[in-house]
């Protein structure tokens, strides 16, 4: 799908209806903007109940810490 929008003088963008419907985005939903090179990822912030059970079965030992990353 290809859709475009224009940044208003108030720095607002209207998300095209086709994109909203495909992604099931609702009015009032919160989003995070993640810079990626010359673009930006727009990702909805999950609600707390969507995160329930996310780490089920995760091991508490043997995790990587930031100091061992490249």
N, C-alpha and C. Protein backbone atom coordinates (compact mmCIF):
# COMPACT_ATOMS: atom_id res chain seq x y z
N UNK A 1 0.84 -1.17 0.00
CA UNK A 1 0.00 0.00 0.00
C UNK A 1 0.89 1.24 0.00
N UNK A 2 0.52 2.20 -0.80
CA UNK A 2 1.25 3.45 -0.85
C UNK A 2 0.28 4.58 -0.53
N UNK A 3 0.63 5.37 0.45
CA UNK A 3 -0.21 6.51 0.84
C UNK A 3 0.72 7.64 1.25
N UNK A 4 0.24 8.85 1.11
CA UNK A 4 1.06 10.00 1.51
C UNK A 4 0.20 11.01 2.26
N UNK A 5 0.89 11.88 3.00
CA UNK A 5 0.22 12.95 3.75
C UNK A 5 1.15 14.15 3.78
N UNK A 6 0.60 15.30 4.03
CA UNK A 6 1.38 16.53 4.06
C UNK A 6 1.43 17.07 5.49
N UNK A 7 2.59 17.53 5.91
CA UNK A 7 2.77 18.14 7.23
C UNK A 7 2.14 19.53 7.21
N UNK A 8 1.23 19.78 8.14
CA UNK A 8 0.53 21.07 8.18
C UNK A 8 1.42 22.16 8.79
N UNK A 9 0.95 23.39 8.74
CA UNK A 9 1.69 24.50 9.33
C UNK A 9 1.75 24.38 10.86
N UNK A 10 0.88 23.53 11.42
CA UNK A 10 0.89 23.27 12.87
C UNK A 10 1.68 21.99 13.18
N UNK A 11 2.43 21.50 12.19
CA UNK A 11 3.25 20.29 12.33
C UNK A 11 2.42 19.06 12.66
N UNK A 12 1.26 18.93 12.04
CA UNK A 12 0.38 17.78 12.22
C UNK A 12 0.28 17.03 10.90
N UNK A 13 0.09 15.70 11.01
CA UNK A 13 -0.10 14.85 9.84
C UNK A 13 -1.37 14.04 10.06
N UNK A 14 -2.23 14.01 9.06
CA UNK A 14 -3.42 13.16 9.10
C UNK A 14 -3.04 11.82 8.47
N UNK A 15 -3.27 10.74 9.20
CA UNK A 15 -2.95 9.41 8.69
C UNK A 15 -4.07 9.00 7.73
N UNK A 16 -3.72 8.62 6.51
CA UNK A 16 -4.75 8.25 5.53
C UNK A 16 -5.65 7.12 6.05
N UNK A 17 -6.92 7.19 5.68
CA UNK A 17 -7.92 6.24 6.16
C UNK A 17 -7.53 4.79 5.84
N UNK A 18 -7.00 4.55 4.66
CA UNK A 18 -6.62 3.18 4.27
C UNK A 18 -5.57 2.61 5.22
N UNK A 19 -4.62 3.45 5.65
CA UNK A 19 -3.57 3.00 6.59
C UNK A 19 -4.19 2.74 7.96
N UNK A 20 -5.02 3.66 8.44
CA UNK A 20 -5.68 3.47 9.74
C UNK A 20 -6.48 2.19 9.79
N UNK A 21 -7.24 1.93 8.73
CA UNK A 21 -8.07 0.73 8.70
C UNK A 21 -7.23 -0.55 8.62
N UNK A 22 -6.19 -0.54 7.80
CA UNK A 22 -5.33 -1.73 7.67
C UNK A 22 -4.62 -2.06 8.98
N UNK A 23 -4.19 -1.02 9.70
CA UNK A 23 -3.45 -1.21 10.96
C UNK A 23 -4.37 -1.30 12.17
N UNK A 24 -5.66 -1.06 11.99
CA UNK A 24 -6.64 -1.07 13.09
C UNK A 24 -6.31 -0.02 14.15
N UNK A 25 -5.88 1.16 13.69
CA UNK A 25 -5.57 2.26 14.60
C UNK A 25 -6.84 3.02 14.92
N UNK A 26 -6.95 3.46 16.18
CA UNK A 26 -8.14 4.15 16.67
C UNK A 26 -7.78 5.57 17.11
N UNK A 27 -8.77 6.46 17.11
CA UNK A 27 -8.58 7.83 17.60
C UNK A 27 -8.19 7.77 19.08
N UNK A 28 -7.24 8.57 19.49
CA UNK A 28 -6.80 8.62 20.88
C UNK A 28 -5.69 7.64 21.21
N UNK A 29 -5.34 6.78 20.26
CA UNK A 29 -4.28 5.79 20.49
C UNK A 29 -2.93 6.52 20.56
N UNK A 30 -2.03 6.02 21.42
CA UNK A 30 -0.72 6.65 21.60
C UNK A 30 0.31 5.95 20.71
N UNK A 31 1.24 6.73 20.15
CA UNK A 31 2.27 6.21 19.26
C UNK A 31 3.64 6.67 19.71
N UNK A 32 4.65 5.89 19.33
CA UNK A 32 6.04 6.27 19.58
C UNK A 32 6.70 6.46 18.21
N UNK A 33 7.59 7.44 18.11
CA UNK A 33 8.30 7.74 16.88
C UNK A 33 9.77 7.38 17.07
N UNK A 34 10.26 6.45 16.23
CA UNK A 34 11.63 5.97 16.35
C UNK A 34 12.40 6.36 15.10
N UNK A 35 13.40 7.27 15.25
CA UNK A 35 14.19 7.67 14.08
C UNK A 35 14.99 6.50 13.52
N UNK A 36 14.95 6.32 12.20
CA UNK A 36 15.69 5.26 11.50
C UNK A 36 16.29 5.86 10.24
N UNK A 37 17.56 6.18 10.29
CA UNK A 37 18.21 6.78 9.12
C UNK A 37 17.54 8.09 8.76
N UNK A 38 17.05 8.18 7.52
CA UNK A 38 16.37 9.40 7.07
C UNK A 38 14.86 9.31 7.24
N UNK A 39 14.38 8.23 7.89
CA UNK A 39 12.95 8.05 8.08
C UNK A 39 12.62 7.89 9.55
N UNK A 40 11.37 7.56 9.80
CA UNK A 40 10.87 7.40 11.17
C UNK A 40 9.90 6.23 11.19
N UNK A 41 10.04 5.35 12.20
CA UNK A 41 9.05 4.30 12.42
C UNK A 41 7.98 4.86 13.33
N UNK A 42 6.73 4.63 12.99
CA UNK A 42 5.60 5.05 13.82
C UNK A 42 4.96 3.76 14.34
N UNK A 43 5.05 3.56 15.65
CA UNK A 43 4.58 2.30 16.24
C UNK A 43 3.62 2.60 17.38
N UNK A 44 2.46 1.93 17.40
CA UNK A 44 1.53 2.14 18.50
C UNK A 44 2.10 1.61 19.81
N UNK A 45 1.89 2.35 20.88
CA UNK A 45 2.33 1.92 22.21
C UNK A 45 1.32 0.87 22.69
N UNK A 46 1.81 -0.32 23.07
CA UNK A 46 0.86 -1.35 23.51
C UNK A 46 0.23 -1.00 24.86
N UNK A 47 -0.99 -1.48 25.06
CA UNK A 47 -1.65 -1.29 26.35
C UNK A 47 -1.10 -2.34 27.31
N UNK A 48 -1.19 -2.07 28.61
CA UNK A 48 -0.62 -2.94 29.62
C UNK A 48 -1.12 -4.37 29.50
N UNK A 49 -2.40 -4.58 29.24
CA UNK A 49 -2.94 -5.94 29.15
C UNK A 49 -2.40 -6.70 27.94
N UNK A 50 -1.92 -5.99 26.91
CA UNK A 50 -1.33 -6.65 25.75
C UNK A 50 0.05 -7.22 26.09
N UNK A 51 0.68 -6.73 27.15
CA UNK A 51 2.02 -7.18 27.53
C UNK A 51 1.99 -8.35 28.50
N UNK A 52 0.81 -8.69 29.03
CA UNK A 52 0.69 -9.77 30.01
C UNK A 52 1.15 -11.09 29.38
N UNK A 53 2.06 -11.76 30.07
CA UNK A 53 2.57 -13.05 29.62
C UNK A 53 3.66 -12.96 28.58
N UNK A 54 4.13 -11.77 28.25
CA UNK A 54 5.13 -11.57 27.21
C UNK A 54 6.43 -12.32 27.51
N UNK A 55 6.85 -12.34 28.78
CA UNK A 55 8.11 -12.97 29.15
C UNK A 55 7.91 -14.34 29.80
N UNK A 56 6.76 -14.93 29.60
CA UNK A 56 6.48 -16.24 30.20
C UNK A 56 7.50 -17.26 29.72
N UNK A 57 8.10 -17.95 30.66
CA UNK A 57 9.09 -18.97 30.33
C UNK A 57 10.50 -18.44 30.12
N UNK A 58 10.70 -17.14 30.27
CA UNK A 58 12.04 -16.56 30.09
C UNK A 58 12.96 -16.99 31.22
N UNK A 59 14.22 -17.24 30.88
CA UNK A 59 15.22 -17.63 31.88
C UNK A 59 15.70 -16.39 32.61
N UNK A 60 15.91 -16.51 33.90
CA UNK A 60 16.40 -15.36 34.68
C UNK A 60 17.92 -15.27 34.68
N UNK A 61 18.61 -16.31 34.25
CA UNK A 61 20.07 -16.28 34.21
C UNK A 61 20.55 -16.40 32.77
N UNK A 62 21.79 -16.02 32.54
CA UNK A 62 22.37 -16.13 31.21
C UNK A 62 21.92 -15.06 30.23
N UNK A 63 21.36 -13.95 30.72
CA UNK A 63 20.92 -12.89 29.81
C UNK A 63 22.11 -12.03 29.42
N UNK A 64 22.01 -11.40 28.28
CA UNK A 64 23.07 -10.49 27.83
C UNK A 64 22.88 -9.13 28.46
N UNK A 65 23.97 -8.54 28.86
CA UNK A 65 23.94 -7.18 29.39
C UNK A 65 24.52 -6.25 28.34
N UNK A 66 24.34 -4.98 28.50
CA UNK A 66 24.85 -4.02 27.52
C UNK A 66 26.37 -4.06 27.39
N UNK A 67 27.07 -4.40 28.44
CA UNK A 67 28.54 -4.37 28.39
C UNK A 67 29.12 -5.42 27.45
N UNK A 68 28.35 -6.47 27.10
CA UNK A 68 28.90 -7.48 26.21
C UNK A 68 28.38 -7.34 24.77
N UNK A 69 27.75 -6.20 24.47
CA UNK A 69 27.28 -5.95 23.10
C UNK A 69 28.37 -5.25 22.31
N UNK A 70 28.27 -5.36 21.01
CA UNK A 70 29.26 -4.72 20.14
C UNK A 70 28.93 -3.29 19.88
